[in-house]
Amino acid sequence: MTKADIVAKISERLGLEKGDVQATVESFMEEVKNSLETGDNVYLRGFGSFIVKTRAEKTGRNISKNTTIKIPAHNIPAFKPAKVFVESVKEKTEVTV
């Protein structure tokens, strides 16, 4: 599902203009991004949390040059789904192999 699909479904369900829904979705995503960039986590009850995780420094390898490099510690955005959300997905989706 793409952002356009989400906008279309919300617009259809609520009877709102696609442009208004798109502006709302864009604003939501921008606020989540801005919060994470400032180090604040975003908690959405029943859905999940957008959090900032810190990755430790590690040693990596450049296989083509056969050298080792140091990868510095850094922060990355992550999503942790709520238990209710995880259980819902487990119940309503088939396992595909």
N, C-alpha and C. Protein backbone atom coordinates (compact mmCIF):
# COMPACT_ATOMS: atom_id res chain seq x y z
N MET A 1 0.85 -1.17 0.00
CA MET A 1 0.00 0.00 0.00
C MET A 1 0.90 1.24 0.00
N THR A 2 0.57 2.19 -0.84
CA THR A 2 1.35 3.42 -0.94
C THR A 2 0.64 4.56 -0.21
N LYS A 3 1.32 5.68 -0.10
CA LYS A 3 0.70 6.85 0.53
C LYS A 3 -0.54 7.29 -0.25
N ALA A 4 -0.49 7.20 -1.56
CA ALA A 4 -1.64 7.57 -2.39
C ALA A 4 -2.82 6.65 -2.11
N ASP A 5 -2.55 5.36 -1.90
CA ASP A 5 -3.61 4.41 -1.56
C ASP A 5 -4.24 4.75 -0.22
N ILE A 6 -3.41 5.10 0.75
CA ILE A 6 -3.91 5.48 2.08
C ILE A 6 -4.80 6.72 1.97
N VAL A 7 -4.33 7.72 1.24
CA VAL A 7 -5.10 8.95 1.06
C VAL A 7 -6.44 8.64 0.40
N ALA A 8 -6.43 7.81 -0.63
CA ALA A 8 -7.67 7.47 -1.35
C ALA A 8 -8.65 6.76 -0.43
N LYS A 9 -8.18 5.80 0.37
CA LYS A 9 -9.07 5.06 1.27
C LYS A 9 -9.66 5.96 2.35
N ILE A 10 -8.85 6.81 2.94
CA ILE A 10 -9.35 7.72 3.98
C ILE A 10 -10.34 8.70 3.38
N SER A 11 -10.02 9.22 2.21
CA SER A 11 -10.91 10.16 1.53
C SER A 11 -12.27 9.52 1.24
N GLU A 12 -12.23 8.29 0.76
CA GLU A 12 -13.46 7.57 0.44
C GLU A 12 -14.26 7.26 1.71
N ARG A 13 -13.58 6.82 2.75
CA ARG A 13 -14.25 6.43 3.99
C ARG A 13 -14.88 7.62 4.70
N LEU A 14 -14.19 8.77 4.72
CA LEU A 14 -14.69 9.93 5.46
C LEU A 14 -15.44 10.94 4.59
N GLY A 15 -15.38 10.77 3.28
CA GLY A 15 -16.06 11.70 2.39
C GLY A 15 -15.39 13.06 2.31
N LEU A 16 -14.07 13.07 2.48
CA LEU A 16 -13.30 14.32 2.42
C LEU A 16 -12.57 14.42 1.09
N GLU A 17 -12.18 15.64 0.75
CA GLU A 17 -11.41 15.85 -0.47
C GLU A 17 -10.04 15.20 -0.34
N LYS A 18 -9.56 14.61 -1.44
CA LYS A 18 -8.25 13.95 -1.42
C LYS A 18 -7.13 14.93 -1.07
N GLY A 19 -7.25 16.15 -1.53
CA GLY A 19 -6.22 17.16 -1.23
C GLY A 19 -6.12 17.45 0.25
N ASP A 20 -7.28 17.53 0.93
CA ASP A 20 -7.29 17.78 2.38
C ASP A 20 -6.69 16.60 3.14
N VAL A 21 -7.07 15.40 2.72
CA VAL A 21 -6.55 14.20 3.38
C VAL A 21 -5.05 14.08 3.15
N GLN A 22 -4.60 14.38 1.93
CA GLN A 22 -3.17 14.30 1.64
C GLN A 22 -2.39 15.30 2.49
N ALA A 23 -2.91 16.50 2.65
CA ALA A 23 -2.25 17.52 3.48
C ALA A 23 -2.16 17.04 4.93
N THR A 24 -3.22 16.39 5.41
CA THR A 24 -3.24 15.87 6.78
C THR A 24 -2.20 14.76 6.95
N VAL A 25 -2.17 13.82 6.02
CA VAL A 25 -1.22 12.71 6.09
C VAL A 25 0.21 13.25 6.02
N GLU A 26 0.45 14.19 5.12
CA GLU A 26 1.79 14.79 4.99
C GLU A 26 2.19 15.50 6.28
N SER A 27 1.26 16.23 6.89
CA SER A 27 1.54 16.93 8.14
C SER A 27 1.85 15.95 9.26
N PHE A 28 1.09 14.86 9.33
CA PHE A 28 1.34 13.84 10.34
C PHE A 28 2.75 13.28 10.19
N MET A 29 3.10 12.90 8.97
CA MET A 29 4.42 12.32 8.73
C MET A 29 5.53 13.32 9.04
N GLU A 30 5.31 14.58 8.70
CA GLU A 30 6.31 15.62 8.98
C GLU A 30 6.49 15.81 10.48
N GLU A 31 5.40 15.78 11.25
CA GLU A 31 5.48 15.93 12.70
C GLU A 31 6.22 14.76 13.34
N VAL A 32 5.95 13.54 12.87
CA VAL A 32 6.67 12.36 13.38
C VAL A 32 8.16 12.50 13.08
N LYS A 33 8.47 12.88 11.86
CA LYS A 33 9.87 13.06 11.45
C LYS A 33 10.56 14.13 12.28
N ASN A 34 9.90 15.28 12.47
CA ASN A 34 10.49 16.36 13.26
C ASN A 34 10.72 15.95 14.70
N SER A 35 9.77 15.22 15.28
CA SER A 35 9.92 14.76 16.66
C SER A 35 11.11 13.82 16.79
N LEU A 36 11.25 12.88 15.87
CA LEU A 36 12.37 11.95 15.93
C LEU A 36 13.70 12.65 15.71
N GLU A 37 13.72 13.65 14.84
CA GLU A 37 14.95 14.39 14.58
C GLU A 37 15.42 15.16 15.82
N THR A 38 14.49 15.56 16.68
CA THR A 38 14.86 16.27 17.90
C THR A 38 15.08 15.32 19.07
N GLY A 39 14.96 13.99 18.81
CA GLY A 39 15.21 13.00 19.85
C GLY A 39 13.99 12.62 20.65
N ASP A 40 12.80 13.13 20.29
CA ASP A 40 11.57 12.78 21.00
C ASP A 40 10.90 11.59 20.33
N ASN A 41 10.47 10.62 21.13
CA ASN A 41 9.74 9.47 20.61
C ASN A 41 8.27 9.84 20.43
N VAL A 42 7.58 9.14 19.55
CA VAL A 42 6.16 9.37 19.29
C VAL A 42 5.40 8.10 19.66
N TYR A 43 4.45 8.23 20.59
CA TYR A 43 3.68 7.09 21.08
C TYR A 43 2.23 7.22 20.62
N LEU A 44 1.74 6.20 19.89
CA LEU A 44 0.36 6.17 19.42
C LEU A 44 -0.31 4.94 20.02
N ARG A 45 -1.11 5.14 21.04
CA ARG A 45 -1.74 4.04 21.76
C ARG A 45 -2.55 3.15 20.82
N GLY A 46 -2.36 1.86 20.95
CA GLY A 46 -3.09 0.90 20.13
C GLY A 46 -2.48 0.69 18.76
N PHE A 47 -1.49 1.49 18.39
CA PHE A 47 -0.85 1.37 17.08
C PHE A 47 0.62 1.01 17.25
N GLY A 48 1.38 1.86 17.93
CA GLY A 48 2.79 1.58 18.14
C GLY A 48 3.56 2.84 18.46
N SER A 49 4.88 2.70 18.51
CA SER A 49 5.76 3.81 18.86
C SER A 49 6.82 4.00 17.79
N PHE A 50 7.03 5.24 17.42
CA PHE A 50 8.15 5.61 16.56
C PHE A 50 9.24 6.07 17.52
N ILE A 51 10.37 5.36 17.53
CA ILE A 51 11.41 5.65 18.51
C ILE A 51 12.76 5.86 17.82
N VAL A 52 13.68 6.48 18.56
CA VAL A 52 15.04 6.66 18.09
C VAL A 52 15.90 5.62 18.80
N LYS A 53 16.57 4.77 18.02
CA LYS A 53 17.46 3.76 18.58
C LYS A 53 18.90 4.18 18.31
N THR A 54 19.77 3.86 19.26
CA THR A 54 21.18 4.15 19.10
C THR A 54 21.92 2.87 18.73
N ARG A 55 22.62 2.91 17.64
CA ARG A 55 23.44 1.78 17.21
C ARG A 55 24.86 2.01 17.73
N ALA A 56 25.46 1.00 18.31
CA ALA A 56 26.81 1.09 18.84
C ALA A 56 27.84 1.12 17.71
N GLU A 57 29.03 1.61 18.03
CA GLU A 57 30.11 1.60 17.05
C GLU A 57 30.49 0.15 16.76
N LYS A 58 30.83 -0.12 15.52
CA LYS A 58 31.22 -1.48 15.16
C LYS A 58 32.24 -1.45 14.04
N THR A 59 32.85 -2.60 13.82
CA THR A 59 33.84 -2.75 12.76
C THR A 59 33.17 -3.45 11.59
N GLY A 60 33.31 -2.86 10.42
CA GLY A 60 32.75 -3.46 9.22
C GLY A 60 33.86 -3.82 8.25
N ARG A 61 33.51 -4.52 7.19
CA ARG A 61 34.50 -4.91 6.19
C ARG A 61 34.07 -4.47 4.81
N ASN A 62 35.03 -3.93 4.06
CA ASN A 62 34.82 -3.62 2.66
C ASN A 62 35.41 -4.80 1.90
N ILE A 63 34.55 -5.69 1.44
CA ILE A 63 35.00 -6.94 0.83
C ILE A 63 35.78 -6.69 -0.47
N SER A 64 35.35 -5.71 -1.26
CA SER A 64 36.01 -5.48 -2.55
C SER A 64 37.44 -4.98 -2.38
N LYS A 65 37.72 -4.22 -1.32
CA LYS A 65 39.07 -3.71 -1.08
C LYS A 65 39.80 -4.51 0.00
N ASN A 66 39.09 -5.48 0.61
CA ASN A 66 39.65 -6.31 1.67
C ASN A 66 40.23 -5.47 2.81
N THR A 67 39.44 -4.50 3.26
CA THR A 67 39.86 -3.64 4.37
C THR A 67 38.77 -3.62 5.43
N THR A 68 39.18 -3.23 6.63
CA THR A 68 38.20 -3.06 7.70
C THR A 68 37.98 -1.57 7.92
N ILE A 69 36.75 -1.22 8.28
CA ILE A 69 36.42 0.18 8.55
C ILE A 69 35.66 0.26 9.86
N LYS A 70 35.78 1.38 10.52
CA LYS A 70 35.02 1.62 11.75
C LYS A 70 33.73 2.32 11.36
N ILE A 71 32.60 1.75 11.81
CA ILE A 71 31.30 2.39 11.61
C ILE A 71 30.95 3.07 12.93
N PRO A 72 30.88 4.39 12.95
CA PRO A 72 30.65 5.10 14.21
C PRO A 72 29.25 4.85 14.77
N ALA A 73 29.10 5.08 16.07
CA ALA A 73 27.78 4.98 16.70
C ALA A 73 26.85 6.01 16.05
N HIS A 74 25.59 5.64 15.88
CA HIS A 74 24.64 6.56 15.24
C HIS A 74 23.22 6.22 15.67
N ASN A 75 22.34 7.17 15.48
CA ASN A 75 20.92 6.99 15.80
C ASN A 75 20.16 6.64 14.54
N ILE A 76 19.13 5.77 14.70
CA ILE A 76 18.27 5.43 13.57
C ILE A 76 16.82 5.44 14.05
N PRO A 77 15.88 5.80 13.16
CA PRO A 77 14.46 5.72 13.53
C PRO A 77 14.00 4.27 13.47
N ALA A 78 13.06 3.93 14.34
CA ALA A 78 12.52 2.57 14.36
C ALA A 78 11.05 2.63 14.74
N PHE A 79 10.31 1.59 14.40
CA PHE A 79 8.91 1.48 14.76
C PHE A 79 8.71 0.23 15.58
N LYS A 80 8.04 0.36 16.71
CA LYS A 80 7.72 -0.79 17.55
C LYS A 80 6.20 -0.87 17.64
N PRO A 81 5.59 -1.89 17.04
CA PRO A 81 4.13 -2.00 17.07
C PRO A 81 3.61 -2.32 18.46
N ALA A 82 2.39 -1.85 18.75
CA ALA A 82 1.73 -2.14 20.02
C ALA A 82 1.31 -3.60 20.05
N LYS A 83 1.20 -4.16 21.24
CA LYS A 83 0.80 -5.57 21.39
C LYS A 83 -0.55 -5.84 20.74
N VAL A 84 -1.49 -4.92 20.90
CA VAL A 84 -2.82 -5.07 20.30
C VAL A 84 -2.72 -5.16 18.78
N PHE A 85 -1.87 -4.34 18.21
CA PHE A 85 -1.66 -4.30 16.77
C PHE A 85 -1.05 -5.62 16.30
N VAL A 86 -0.03 -6.09 17.00
CA VAL A 86 0.64 -7.34 16.64
C VAL A 86 -0.34 -8.51 16.70
N GLU A 87 -1.12 -8.58 17.75
CA GLU A 87 -2.09 -9.66 17.90
C GLU A 87 -3.14 -9.62 16.79
N SER A 88 -3.58 -8.43 16.42
CA SER A 88 -4.57 -8.28 15.35
C SER A 88 -4.02 -8.79 14.02
N VAL A 89 -2.77 -8.45 13.73
CA VAL A 89 -2.16 -8.91 12.48
C VAL A 89 -1.99 -10.42 12.49
N LYS A 90 -1.58 -10.98 13.64
CA LYS A 90 -1.42 -12.43 13.75
C LYS A 90 -2.73 -13.16 13.49
N GLU A 91 -3.82 -12.63 14.04
CA GLU A 91 -5.13 -13.28 13.91
C GLU A 91 -5.72 -13.17 12.50
N LYS A 92 -5.51 -12.03 11.85
CA LYS A 92 -6.23 -11.74 10.61
C LYS A 92 -5.45 -12.01 9.33
N THR A 93 -4.20 -12.42 9.43
CA THR A 93 -3.44 -12.69 8.22
C THR A 93 -2.98 -14.13 8.17
N GLU A 94 -2.90 -14.66 6.96
CA GLU A 94 -2.43 -16.02 6.76
C GLU A 94 -0.91 -16.02 6.71
N VAL A 95 -0.32 -17.10 7.14
CA VAL A 95 1.12 -17.26 7.06
C VAL A 95 1.45 -17.69 5.65
N THR A 96 2.34 -16.96 5.00
CA THR A 96 2.76 -17.29 3.64
C THR A 96 4.21 -17.78 3.68
N VAL A 97 4.48 -18.77 2.89
CA VAL A 97 5.84 -19.36 2.89
C VAL A 97 6.50 -19.09 1.57
